[in-house]
């Protein structure tokens, strides 16, 4: 599948604990790594920015970098067949709140994936770092 997003990397928006945000593609993400390489600006960039997992709040795996600013998030789990997992609401230390479902939350691990409750959300999935979580509520 030459030229696919999977071959070139996944589009991500990296949110850091210090408030910085970087957009780009990532080729070497796995949850157990402590450092990833983000190609800021997309696949055509040749220089990777090292990203230390300990400095991250979350990695948002997105459908597009632009998103839809007029989209209003629906946290009612429409189309629940697409979600699976356990429903939860996550409040970050910076006050941001996300709602979705997870198959693997474990506060003893570095992080976990959250699938947004809204199937029309620009985020396909979010890898949340447990160090950035203030509270988890099961729904």
N, C-alpha and C. Protein backbone atom coordinates (compact mmCIF):
# COMPACT_ATOMS: atom_id res chain seq x y z
N UNK A 1 0.84 -1.19 0.00
CA UNK A 1 0.00 0.00 0.00
C UNK A 1 0.87 1.24 0.00
N UNK A 2 1.66 1.38 -0.97
CA UNK A 2 2.59 2.49 -1.06
C UNK A 2 1.86 3.82 -1.03
N UNK A 3 2.38 4.73 -0.20
CA UNK A 3 1.82 6.07 -0.13
C UNK A 3 0.69 6.22 0.88
N UNK A 4 0.37 5.18 1.63
CA UNK A 4 -0.71 5.29 2.60
C UNK A 4 -0.22 5.99 3.85
N UNK A 5 -1.18 6.48 4.63
CA UNK A 5 -0.84 7.13 5.90
C UNK A 5 -0.11 6.16 6.81
N UNK A 6 -0.51 4.89 6.81
CA UNK A 6 0.13 3.90 7.68
C UNK A 6 1.61 3.75 7.33
N UNK A 7 1.93 3.80 6.03
CA UNK A 7 3.34 3.66 5.63
C UNK A 7 4.14 4.89 6.03
N UNK A 8 3.55 6.06 5.89
CA UNK A 8 4.27 7.30 6.14
C UNK A 8 4.19 7.74 7.60
N UNK A 9 3.31 7.16 8.37
CA UNK A 9 3.16 7.56 9.76
C UNK A 9 1.74 8.02 10.04
N UNK A 10 1.39 8.01 11.31
CA UNK A 10 0.06 8.42 11.74
C UNK A 10 0.07 9.91 12.07
N UNK A 11 -1.00 10.60 11.68
CA UNK A 11 -1.12 12.02 12.01
C UNK A 11 -1.46 12.14 13.50
N UNK A 12 -0.66 12.93 14.20
CA UNK A 12 -0.88 13.13 15.63
C UNK A 12 -0.76 14.61 15.98
N UNK A 13 -1.44 14.94 17.07
CA UNK A 13 -1.26 16.23 17.71
C UNK A 13 -0.78 15.91 19.12
N UNK A 14 0.45 16.28 19.40
CA UNK A 14 1.06 16.00 20.70
C UNK A 14 0.82 17.18 21.63
N UNK A 15 0.16 16.90 22.76
CA UNK A 15 -0.07 17.92 23.79
C UNK A 15 0.89 17.61 24.93
N UNK A 16 1.65 18.62 25.33
CA UNK A 16 2.65 18.44 26.38
C UNK A 16 2.15 18.98 27.71
N UNK A 17 2.72 18.49 28.80
CA UNK A 17 2.35 18.94 30.14
C UNK A 17 2.57 20.43 30.33
N UNK A 18 3.55 21.00 29.63
CA UNK A 18 3.84 22.43 29.77
C UNK A 18 2.97 23.30 28.87
N UNK A 19 1.99 22.70 28.17
CA UNK A 19 1.07 23.47 27.34
C UNK A 19 1.44 23.53 25.86
N UNK A 20 2.66 23.12 25.50
CA UNK A 20 3.04 23.13 24.09
C UNK A 20 2.21 22.12 23.30
N UNK A 21 2.05 22.42 22.01
CA UNK A 21 1.34 21.52 21.10
C UNK A 21 2.16 21.41 19.82
N UNK A 22 2.39 20.18 19.36
CA UNK A 22 3.07 19.93 18.08
C UNK A 22 2.19 19.05 17.22
N UNK A 23 2.11 19.40 15.93
CA UNK A 23 1.36 18.59 14.97
C UNK A 23 2.34 17.97 14.00
N UNK A 24 2.10 16.71 13.67
CA UNK A 24 2.96 16.04 12.71
C UNK A 24 2.58 14.59 12.56
N UNK A 25 3.53 13.82 12.05
CA UNK A 25 3.30 12.38 11.92
C UNK A 25 4.29 11.64 12.79
N UNK A 26 3.87 10.46 13.21
CA UNK A 26 4.71 9.64 14.08
C UNK A 26 4.80 8.25 13.46
N UNK A 27 6.00 7.71 13.45
CA UNK A 27 6.25 6.42 12.82
C UNK A 27 6.57 5.33 13.83
N UNK A 28 7.06 5.72 15.00
CA UNK A 28 7.62 4.73 15.92
C UNK A 28 6.91 4.68 17.27
N UNK A 29 5.61 4.99 17.30
CA UNK A 29 4.90 4.98 18.57
C UNK A 29 4.53 3.57 19.00
N UNK A 30 4.86 3.24 20.21
CA UNK A 30 4.31 2.10 20.92
C UNK A 30 4.19 2.53 22.38
N UNK A 31 3.16 2.07 23.09
CA UNK A 31 2.94 2.53 24.46
C UNK A 31 4.09 2.30 25.42
N UNK A 32 4.93 1.30 25.18
CA UNK A 32 6.00 1.00 26.14
C UNK A 32 7.30 1.77 25.89
N UNK A 33 7.34 2.59 24.84
CA UNK A 33 8.56 3.37 24.56
C UNK A 33 8.61 4.63 25.42
N UNK A 34 9.80 5.11 25.67
CA UNK A 34 9.96 6.34 26.45
C UNK A 34 10.25 7.55 25.57
N UNK A 35 10.53 7.30 24.29
CA UNK A 35 10.77 8.41 23.35
C UNK A 35 10.22 8.04 21.98
N UNK A 36 9.61 9.03 21.34
CA UNK A 36 9.06 8.87 19.99
C UNK A 36 9.68 9.94 19.11
N UNK A 37 9.44 9.84 17.81
CA UNK A 37 9.95 10.83 16.87
C UNK A 37 8.79 11.38 16.06
N UNK A 38 8.56 12.67 16.19
CA UNK A 38 7.46 13.34 15.52
C UNK A 38 8.00 14.16 14.36
N UNK A 39 7.47 13.92 13.19
CA UNK A 39 7.84 14.68 12.00
C UNK A 39 6.89 15.86 11.94
N UNK A 40 7.32 16.98 12.49
CA UNK A 40 6.49 18.18 12.60
C UNK A 40 6.08 18.66 11.21
N UNK A 41 4.79 18.88 11.04
CA UNK A 41 4.29 19.36 9.77
C UNK A 41 3.85 18.27 8.83
N UNK A 42 4.19 17.02 9.08
CA UNK A 42 3.71 15.95 8.23
C UNK A 42 4.79 15.10 7.61
N UNK A 43 4.36 14.16 6.78
CA UNK A 43 5.24 13.16 6.20
C UNK A 43 6.36 13.73 5.36
N UNK A 44 6.12 14.86 4.72
CA UNK A 44 7.13 15.39 3.80
C UNK A 44 8.35 15.95 4.53
N UNK A 45 8.24 16.13 5.83
CA UNK A 45 9.37 16.65 6.60
C UNK A 45 10.38 15.53 6.84
N UNK A 46 11.64 15.84 6.75
CA UNK A 46 12.67 14.83 6.91
C UNK A 46 13.32 14.86 8.30
N UNK A 47 13.09 15.92 9.06
CA UNK A 47 13.71 16.05 10.37
C UNK A 47 12.70 15.70 11.47
N UNK A 48 13.04 14.72 12.27
CA UNK A 48 12.16 14.30 13.36
C UNK A 48 12.50 15.03 14.64
N UNK A 49 11.47 15.41 15.37
CA UNK A 49 11.62 16.03 16.68
C UNK A 49 11.48 14.93 17.72
N UNK A 50 12.49 14.71 18.58
CA UNK A 50 12.34 13.69 19.62
C UNK A 50 11.31 14.15 20.66
N UNK A 51 10.44 13.25 21.05
CA UNK A 51 9.40 13.55 22.03
C UNK A 51 9.56 12.58 23.19
N UNK A 52 9.85 13.11 24.37
CA UNK A 52 9.99 12.30 25.57
C UNK A 52 8.60 12.01 26.13
N UNK A 53 8.27 10.74 26.31
CA UNK A 53 6.95 10.36 26.80
C UNK A 53 6.63 11.01 28.14
N UNK A 54 7.62 11.22 28.97
CA UNK A 54 7.40 11.83 30.28
C UNK A 54 6.99 13.28 30.23
N UNK A 55 7.19 13.94 29.09
CA UNK A 55 6.80 15.34 28.95
C UNK A 55 5.42 15.50 28.33
N UNK A 56 4.80 14.37 27.95
CA UNK A 56 3.51 14.42 27.26
C UNK A 56 2.32 14.41 28.21
N UNK A 57 1.27 15.09 27.78
CA UNK A 57 -0.05 14.98 28.38
C UNK A 57 -0.81 13.87 27.64
N UNK A 58 -0.80 13.97 26.30
CA UNK A 58 -1.50 12.99 25.48
C UNK A 58 -1.08 13.12 24.02
N UNK A 59 -1.22 12.03 23.29
CA UNK A 59 -1.05 12.02 21.84
C UNK A 59 -2.43 11.80 21.22
N UNK A 60 -2.87 12.76 20.43
CA UNK A 60 -4.16 12.69 19.76
C UNK A 60 -3.94 12.20 18.34
N UNK A 61 -4.41 11.01 18.04
CA UNK A 61 -4.32 10.45 16.69
C UNK A 61 -5.53 11.00 15.93
N UNK A 62 -5.27 11.86 14.96
CA UNK A 62 -6.34 12.64 14.33
C UNK A 62 -6.63 12.22 12.89
N UNK A 63 -7.84 12.58 12.43
CA UNK A 63 -8.24 12.35 11.05
C UNK A 63 -7.65 13.42 10.14
N UNK A 64 -7.56 14.65 10.67
CA UNK A 64 -6.95 15.75 9.92
C UNK A 64 -6.36 16.74 10.92
N UNK A 65 -5.39 17.52 10.46
CA UNK A 65 -4.78 18.53 11.34
C UNK A 65 -5.71 19.72 11.54
N UNK A 66 -6.57 19.97 10.58
CA UNK A 66 -7.46 21.13 10.65
C UNK A 66 -8.66 20.89 11.55
N UNK A 67 -9.21 19.67 11.52
CA UNK A 67 -10.42 19.38 12.29
C UNK A 67 -11.58 20.19 11.77
N UNK A 68 -12.62 20.31 12.55
CA UNK A 68 -13.81 21.10 12.20
C UNK A 68 -14.13 21.99 13.39
N UNK A 69 -13.69 23.25 13.36
CA UNK A 69 -13.92 24.15 14.50
C UNK A 69 -15.39 24.33 14.85
N UNK A 70 -16.30 24.08 13.91
CA UNK A 70 -17.73 24.27 14.19
C UNK A 70 -18.36 23.02 14.80
N UNK A 71 -17.61 21.91 14.86
CA UNK A 71 -18.16 20.66 15.41
C UNK A 71 -18.36 20.78 16.91
N UNK A 72 -19.55 20.42 17.37
CA UNK A 72 -19.83 20.39 18.81
C UNK A 72 -19.76 18.95 19.27
N UNK A 73 -18.90 18.68 20.23
CA UNK A 73 -18.67 17.33 20.71
C UNK A 73 -19.93 16.75 21.35
N UNK A 74 -20.23 15.51 21.00
CA UNK A 74 -21.37 14.78 21.54
C UNK A 74 -20.81 13.64 22.41
N UNK A 75 -20.96 13.76 23.71
CA UNK A 75 -20.42 12.76 24.64
C UNK A 75 -21.44 11.69 25.03
N UNK A 76 -22.45 11.45 24.18
CA UNK A 76 -23.52 10.51 24.52
C UNK A 76 -23.31 9.11 23.96
N UNK A 77 -22.14 8.82 23.45
CA UNK A 77 -21.80 7.49 22.95
C UNK A 77 -22.76 7.01 21.87
N UNK A 78 -23.08 7.88 20.92
CA UNK A 78 -23.88 7.45 19.77
C UNK A 78 -23.10 6.38 19.02
N UNK A 79 -23.80 5.44 18.42
CA UNK A 79 -23.12 4.39 17.66
C UNK A 79 -22.21 3.55 18.54
N UNK A 80 -22.73 3.10 19.67
CA UNK A 80 -21.90 2.39 20.65
C UNK A 80 -21.23 1.15 20.10
N UNK A 81 -21.72 0.59 18.99
CA UNK A 81 -21.09 -0.59 18.41
C UNK A 81 -19.66 -0.31 17.99
N UNK A 82 -19.33 0.93 17.70
CA UNK A 82 -17.99 1.29 17.24
C UNK A 82 -17.02 1.48 18.40
N UNK A 83 -17.53 1.54 19.63
CA UNK A 83 -16.66 1.88 20.75
C UNK A 83 -16.08 0.66 21.46
N UNK A 84 -16.92 -0.11 22.08
CA UNK A 84 -16.43 -1.22 22.89
C UNK A 84 -15.68 -0.68 24.10
N UNK A 85 -15.30 -1.54 24.97
CA UNK A 85 -14.54 -1.11 26.13
C UNK A 85 -15.43 -0.51 27.21
N UNK A 86 -14.79 0.01 28.21
CA UNK A 86 -15.47 0.59 29.36
C UNK A 86 -15.56 2.11 29.21
N UNK A 87 -16.74 2.65 29.44
CA UNK A 87 -16.97 4.09 29.28
C UNK A 87 -16.37 4.84 30.47
N UNK A 88 -15.73 5.97 30.15
CA UNK A 88 -15.08 6.74 31.21
C UNK A 88 -15.03 8.23 30.87
N UNK A 89 -14.84 9.03 31.88
CA UNK A 89 -14.57 10.46 31.73
C UNK A 89 -13.24 10.72 32.42
N UNK A 90 -12.36 11.41 31.71
CA UNK A 90 -11.02 11.70 32.23
C UNK A 90 -10.87 13.20 32.41
N UNK A 91 -10.43 13.61 33.60
CA UNK A 91 -10.11 15.02 33.84
C UNK A 91 -8.60 15.09 34.01
N UNK A 92 -7.99 15.95 33.19
CA UNK A 92 -6.55 16.15 33.23
C UNK A 92 -6.17 17.13 34.32
N UNK A 93 -4.90 17.16 34.68
CA UNK A 93 -4.41 18.09 35.70
C UNK A 93 -4.60 19.54 35.27
N UNK A 94 -4.67 19.80 33.95
CA UNK A 94 -4.89 21.17 33.47
C UNK A 94 -6.37 21.54 33.37
N UNK A 95 -7.27 20.61 33.77
CA UNK A 95 -8.70 20.88 33.78
C UNK A 95 -9.47 20.37 32.57
N UNK A 96 -8.78 20.02 31.49
CA UNK A 96 -9.48 19.51 30.30
C UNK A 96 -10.16 18.18 30.65
N UNK A 97 -11.35 17.97 30.06
CA UNK A 97 -12.12 16.76 30.30
C UNK A 97 -12.41 16.08 28.96
N UNK A 98 -12.18 14.76 28.90
CA UNK A 98 -12.49 13.96 27.72
C UNK A 98 -13.37 12.79 28.13
N UNK A 99 -14.30 12.42 27.25
CA UNK A 99 -15.18 11.29 27.48
C UNK A 99 -15.00 10.28 26.36
N UNK A 100 -14.93 9.01 26.73
CA UNK A 100 -14.76 7.97 25.73
C UNK A 100 -14.77 6.60 26.37
N UNK A 101 -14.20 5.65 25.66
CA UNK A 101 -14.12 4.29 26.18
C UNK A 101 -12.70 3.78 26.05
N UNK A 102 -12.38 2.82 26.92
CA UNK A 102 -11.04 2.25 26.93
C UNK A 102 -11.12 0.74 27.13
N UNK A 103 -10.15 0.07 26.57
CA UNK A 103 -10.04 -1.38 26.75
C UNK A 103 -8.90 -1.71 27.72
N UNK A 104 -8.10 -0.71 28.10
CA UNK A 104 -6.91 -1.06 28.86
C UNK A 104 -6.46 -0.03 29.87
N UNK A 105 -7.37 0.56 30.64
CA UNK A 105 -6.93 1.52 31.65
C UNK A 105 -6.30 0.79 32.83
N UNK A 106 -5.10 1.20 33.17
CA UNK A 106 -4.41 0.69 34.34
C UNK A 106 -3.56 1.84 34.86
N UNK A 107 -3.91 2.40 36.02
CA UNK A 107 -3.17 3.56 36.54
C UNK A 107 -1.71 3.27 36.85
N UNK A 108 -1.33 1.99 36.90
CA UNK A 108 0.06 1.63 37.18
C UNK A 108 0.93 1.65 35.94
N UNK A 109 0.32 1.74 34.76
CA UNK A 109 1.06 1.78 33.50
C UNK A 109 1.27 3.23 33.09
N UNK A 110 2.18 3.49 32.14
CA UNK A 110 2.44 4.87 31.73
C UNK A 110 1.24 5.57 31.12
N UNK A 111 0.40 4.83 30.39
CA UNK A 111 -0.74 5.47 29.75
C UNK A 111 -1.75 4.47 29.24
N UNK A 112 -2.77 4.98 28.53
CA UNK A 112 -3.85 4.13 28.01
C UNK A 112 -4.51 4.83 26.83
N UNK A 113 -5.17 4.05 26.00
CA UNK A 113 -5.90 4.59 24.86
C UNK A 113 -7.33 4.89 25.25
N UNK A 114 -7.84 6.00 24.73
CA UNK A 114 -9.23 6.39 24.88
C UNK A 114 -9.81 6.58 23.49
N UNK A 115 -10.94 5.97 23.21
CA UNK A 115 -11.66 6.17 21.96
C UNK A 115 -12.75 7.19 22.28
N UNK A 116 -12.79 8.33 21.57
CA UNK A 116 -13.78 9.37 21.88
C UNK A 116 -15.21 8.85 21.81
N UNK A 117 -16.07 9.36 22.69
CA UNK A 117 -17.49 8.98 22.71
C UNK A 117 -18.19 9.42 21.43
N UNK A 118 -17.73 10.51 20.83
CA UNK A 118 -18.34 11.06 19.63
C UNK A 118 -17.70 10.45 18.39
N UNK A 119 -18.44 9.64 17.62
CA UNK A 119 -17.86 9.03 16.43
C UNK A 119 -17.48 10.04 15.35
N UNK A 120 -18.02 11.26 15.44
CA UNK A 120 -17.69 12.30 14.47
C UNK A 120 -16.55 13.19 14.92
N UNK A 121 -15.95 12.88 16.06
CA UNK A 121 -14.83 13.64 16.58
C UNK A 121 -13.65 13.54 15.62
N UNK A 122 -12.82 14.56 15.56
CA UNK A 122 -11.63 14.52 14.71
C UNK A 122 -10.57 13.56 15.26
N UNK A 123 -10.66 13.25 16.54
CA UNK A 123 -9.72 12.30 17.14
C UNK A 123 -10.20 10.88 16.91
N UNK A 124 -9.32 10.06 16.31
CA UNK A 124 -9.65 8.64 16.14
C UNK A 124 -9.47 7.89 17.46
N UNK A 125 -8.38 8.22 18.15
CA UNK A 125 -8.07 7.67 19.45
C UNK A 125 -7.06 8.59 20.10
N UNK A 126 -6.93 8.47 21.41
CA UNK A 126 -6.04 9.34 22.17
C UNK A 126 -5.24 8.47 23.13
N UNK A 127 -3.92 8.64 23.10
CA UNK A 127 -3.09 7.94 24.08
C UNK A 127 -2.83 8.93 25.20
N UNK A 128 -3.38 8.64 26.37
CA UNK A 128 -3.32 9.53 27.52
C UNK A 128 -2.26 9.05 28.49
N UNK A 129 -1.39 9.96 28.91
CA UNK A 129 -0.37 9.63 29.89
C UNK A 129 -0.98 9.72 31.29
N UNK A 130 -0.84 8.68 32.07
CA UNK A 130 -1.42 8.66 33.42
C UNK A 130 -0.89 9.78 34.30
N UNK A 131 0.33 10.24 34.08
CA UNK A 131 0.89 11.32 34.89
C UNK A 131 0.12 12.63 34.69
N UNK A 132 -0.62 12.74 33.59
CA UNK A 132 -1.37 13.97 33.29
C UNK A 132 -2.83 13.88 33.75
N UNK A 133 -3.23 12.76 34.33
CA UNK A 133 -4.61 12.54 34.72
C UNK A 133 -4.82 12.94 36.19
N UNK A 134 -5.84 13.77 36.41
CA UNK A 134 -6.19 14.16 37.78
C UNK A 134 -7.27 13.23 38.33
N UNK A 135 -8.21 12.80 37.45
CA UNK A 135 -9.33 12.00 37.93
C UNK A 135 -9.92 11.18 36.78
N UNK A 136 -10.36 9.97 37.12
CA UNK A 136 -11.08 9.10 36.19
C UNK A 136 -12.41 8.77 36.80
N UNK A 137 -13.48 8.93 36.02
CA UNK A 137 -14.82 8.54 36.45
C UNK A 137 -15.38 7.52 35.48
N UNK A 138 -15.86 6.40 36.01
CA UNK A 138 -16.47 5.37 35.17
C UNK A 138 -17.92 5.74 34.95
N UNK A 139 -18.38 5.59 33.74
CA UNK A 139 -19.75 5.97 33.40
C UNK A 139 -20.64 4.74 33.22
